[in-house]
Amino acid sequence: TEGFYHMGFRFHPYTEKLEELFEKNNSSIAVVNRGISGETTIKMVRRLESILQKTRFDFVCVLAGTNDLANPSETADSIFERLNRLYQLVLNHNSNVILLVVTIPPTSFDKREQDYLNKKLLINEKIKTFSEEPKSTGRVVFVDLYSATPYYQEDGTMSPLWDDHLHFSPKGYDLF
C-alpha cells in the first residue's frame, strides 16, 4: 500500500516503519514499496510481472483486494483467483522467495454492507487456506491484518488505527 491518508494529501506507507525496524536491528534488508493507491488486482497482476522481471526479491508482501470489493460484480472467487495469480508470480520469481499473504483489512463498510463483509471474509479464509497448503510450507507467511486492525473500538467509535472509512492512519500503517 502507498500509505494514503488525510484524503490523499499525505502518505505514510507501512514500509517506512518496517525499514526503521530493520535499521534498529542492524539489518541490511532493503525495503521497496510498489503500492499504488486505488489499484485493483487486475492492474497489480500486470504490474507485478514487470517488477519481478527487473528486481530479485527475497521477501514479497502482497496486500490486495480492498479496491476490488468496491465493484459489486466481482465475486470472492474472481478476486481470489487474481490474488492467487499474484501469489504464484511471487513464488515462481525465485525458489527461495518468502511470500507474505495479507488478509484484506476491515473498513467501515463491513458494518453497513453484509454482502461486502461476507465476500471479504470468504476471500480472507481463502488466503488463510492458501497459506496452510503443504506446498506453501516454509515459503508462505500468513498475516491476518483483518483481525489485528479492528475498525471499531468497543464503544462503537472508529479506532485511532483508521483515518477514514477505508484507509489506515499513520498509527495503523505503523502497526501493520
Protein backbone atom coordinates (compact mmCIF):
# COMPACT_ATOMS: atom_id res chain seq x y z
CA THR A 1 0.00 0.00 0.00
CA GLU A 2 1.10 3.51 -0.73
CA GLY A 3 0.03 4.78 2.70
CA PHE A 4 -2.86 7.03 1.61
CA TYR A 5 -4.37 9.11 4.42
CA HIS A 6 -5.64 12.65 5.10
CA MET A 7 -7.87 12.43 1.99
CA GLY A 8 -4.83 11.62 -0.14
CA PHE A 9 -2.95 14.79 0.76
CA ARG A 10 -0.48 12.77 2.81
CA PHE A 11 1.11 9.34 2.60
CA HIS A 12 2.60 7.17 5.33
CA PRO A 13 3.37 3.70 3.94
CA TYR A 14 3.85 0.84 6.40
CA THR A 15 7.20 0.21 4.76
CA GLU A 16 8.66 3.31 6.45
CA LYS A 17 8.15 1.72 9.87
CA LEU A 18 9.35 -1.64 8.57
CA GLU A 19 12.56 -0.05 7.30
CA GLU A 20 13.04 1.70 10.66
CA LEU A 21 12.64 -1.62 12.50
CA PHE A 22 15.19 -3.31 10.25
CA GLU A 23 17.65 -0.46 10.82
CA LYS A 24 17.19 -0.72 14.61
CA ASN A 25 18.16 -4.37 14.38
CA ASN A 26 21.20 -3.59 12.22
CA SER A 27 19.68 -5.46 9.30
CA SER A 28 20.84 -4.75 5.78
CA ILE A 29 17.47 -5.63 4.25
CA ALA A 30 16.41 -3.06 1.67
CA VAL A 31 12.68 -2.28 1.71
CA VAL A 32 10.95 -1.45 -1.58
CA ASN A 33 7.36 -0.22 -1.75
CA ARG A 34 5.50 -0.58 -5.03
CA GLY A 35 1.98 0.20 -3.78
CA ILE A 36 -0.33 2.42 -5.83
CA SER A 37 -3.44 3.92 -4.24
CA GLY A 38 -6.71 2.75 -5.75
CA GLU A 39 -5.20 -0.11 -7.73
CA THR A 40 -7.16 -3.32 -8.24
CA THR A 41 -5.75 -6.83 -8.54
CA ILE A 42 -6.28 -6.74 -12.32
CA LYS A 43 -3.70 -3.97 -12.68
CA MET A 44 -1.49 -5.41 -9.94
CA VAL A 45 -1.02 -8.71 -11.80
CA ARG A 46 0.29 -6.90 -14.90
CA ARG A 47 2.49 -4.59 -12.88
CA LEU A 48 3.92 -7.30 -10.62
CA GLU A 49 5.05 -9.34 -13.61
CA SER A 50 7.10 -6.37 -14.77
CA ILE A 51 8.50 -5.58 -11.32
CA LEU A 52 9.65 -9.16 -10.73
CA GLN A 53 11.45 -9.24 -14.09
CA LYS A 54 13.55 -6.22 -13.12
CA THR A 55 14.44 -6.94 -9.48
CA ARG A 56 15.18 -10.04 -7.43
CA PHE A 57 13.36 -10.10 -4.10
CA ASP A 58 13.86 -12.36 -1.09
CA PHE A 59 10.56 -11.38 0.54
CA VAL A 60 7.37 -10.08 -1.06
CA CYS A 61 4.31 -8.91 0.83
CA VAL A 62 1.00 -8.96 -1.07
CA LEU A 63 -1.89 -6.91 0.31
CA ALA A 64 -4.62 -6.62 -2.32
CA GLY A 65 -8.34 -6.92 -2.87
CA THR A 66 -9.80 -3.98 -0.96
CA ASN A 67 -10.39 -1.93 -4.10
CA ASP A 68 -11.80 -4.93 -5.95
CA LEU A 69 -14.52 -5.25 -3.30
CA ALA A 70 -15.93 -1.86 -4.37
CA ASN A 71 -17.08 -3.48 -7.62
CA PRO A 72 -20.32 -5.39 -6.88
CA SER A 73 -19.87 -7.57 -9.98
CA GLU A 74 -16.67 -9.05 -8.51
CA THR A 75 -17.07 -12.32 -6.67
CA ALA A 76 -14.92 -13.71 -3.89
CA ASP A 77 -13.72 -16.35 -6.37
CA SER A 78 -12.78 -13.85 -9.08
CA ILE A 79 -10.86 -11.67 -6.62
CA PHE A 80 -9.09 -14.63 -5.02
CA GLU A 81 -8.24 -16.04 -8.47
CA ARG A 82 -6.22 -12.88 -9.15
CA LEU A 83 -4.72 -12.92 -5.64
CA ASN A 84 -3.61 -16.48 -6.35
CA ARG A 85 -2.11 -15.30 -9.64
CA LEU A 86 -0.12 -12.67 -7.69
CA TYR A 87 1.00 -15.33 -5.22
CA GLN A 88 2.11 -17.69 -8.00
CA LEU A 89 4.07 -14.92 -9.72
CA VAL A 90 5.96 -14.31 -6.48
CA LEU A 91 6.57 -17.98 -5.70
CA ASN A 92 7.84 -18.55 -9.24
CA HIS A 93 10.08 -15.48 -9.00
CA ASN A 94 12.84 -17.43 -7.30
CA SER A 95 12.96 -20.69 -5.39
CA ASN A 96 13.90 -19.04 -2.09
CA VAL A 97 11.47 -16.13 -2.02
CA ILE A 98 9.25 -15.82 1.06
CA LEU A 99 5.71 -14.65 0.31
CA LEU A 100 3.71 -12.79 2.95
CA VAL A 101 -0.01 -13.14 2.19
CA VAL A 102 -2.08 -10.50 3.95
CA THR A 103 -5.80 -10.57 4.64
CA ILE A 104 -7.97 -7.71 3.43
CA PRO A 105 -8.33 -5.35 6.39
CA PRO A 106 -11.62 -4.17 7.87
CA THR A 107 -13.36 -0.98 6.74
CA SER A 108 -16.47 0.92 7.86
CA PHE A 109 -18.34 -0.78 5.01
CA ASP A 110 -18.12 -4.11 6.83
CA LYS A 111 -20.75 -2.97 9.32
CA ARG A 112 -23.04 -1.37 6.74
CA GLU A 113 -22.92 -3.84 3.84
CA GLN A 114 -23.36 -7.51 4.69
CA ASP A 115 -22.61 -8.78 1.16
CA TYR A 116 -19.36 -6.80 1.13
CA LEU A 117 -18.35 -8.22 4.50
CA ASN A 118 -19.30 -11.79 3.55
CA LYS A 119 -17.26 -11.56 0.35
CA LYS A 120 -14.26 -10.17 2.25
CA LEU A 121 -14.43 -12.85 4.95
CA LEU A 122 -14.60 -15.57 2.30
CA ILE A 123 -11.55 -14.14 0.50
CA ASN A 124 -9.67 -13.88 3.78
CA GLU A 125 -10.47 -17.50 4.54
CA LYS A 126 -9.17 -18.48 1.09
CA ILE A 127 -5.96 -16.53 1.78
CA LYS A 128 -5.53 -18.41 5.07
CA THR A 129 -6.23 -21.76 3.41
CA PHE A 130 -3.68 -20.97 0.70
CA SER A 131 -1.04 -20.27 3.35
CA GLU A 132 -1.72 -23.63 5.01
CA GLU A 133 -1.36 -25.75 1.87
CA PRO A 134 1.53 -28.24 2.12
CA LYS A 135 3.24 -26.76 -0.95
CA SER A 136 3.29 -23.40 0.87
CA THR A 137 5.19 -24.68 3.90
CA GLY A 138 8.25 -22.59 4.61
CA ARG A 139 7.65 -20.17 1.75
CA VAL A 140 4.35 -18.54 2.68
CA VAL A 141 3.64 -16.49 5.80
CA PHE A 142 0.05 -15.66 6.72
CA VAL A 143 -0.55 -12.14 8.09
CA ASP A 144 -4.05 -11.61 9.50
CA LEU A 145 -4.33 -7.84 9.14
CA TYR A 146 -8.13 -8.10 9.35
CA SER A 147 -8.05 -9.38 12.94
CA ALA A 148 -5.11 -7.22 14.02
CA THR A 149 -6.63 -3.89 13.00
CA PRO A 150 -10.25 -3.58 14.15
CA TYR A 151 -12.09 -0.67 12.61
CA TYR A 152 -14.34 -0.03 15.61
CA GLN A 153 -13.46 0.30 19.27
CA GLU A 154 -15.59 -1.26 21.99
CA ASP A 155 -17.64 1.94 22.32
CA GLY A 156 -18.53 1.82 18.60
CA THR A 157 -16.30 4.72 17.54
CA MET A 158 -13.66 4.49 14.86
CA SER A 159 -10.33 3.15 16.12
CA PRO A 160 -7.32 5.51 16.02
CA LEU A 161 -5.78 2.96 13.63
CA TRP A 162 -8.06 4.37 10.94
CA ASP A 163 -8.08 7.72 9.13
CA ASP A 164 -11.33 7.40 7.21
CA HIS A 165 -13.79 4.73 6.06
CA LEU A 166 -11.13 2.82 4.14
CA HIS A 167 -7.59 3.93 4.95
CA PHE A 168 -5.32 3.49 7.94
CA SER A 169 -3.99 6.40 9.95
CA PRO A 170 -0.19 6.63 10.31
CA LYS A 171 -0.64 4.70 13.58
CA GLY A 172 -2.46 1.93 11.68
CA TYR A 173 0.16 1.77 8.95
CA ASP A 174 2.89 1.59 11.62
CA LEU A 175 1.08 -1.28 13.36
CA PHE A 176 0.87 -3.15 10.07
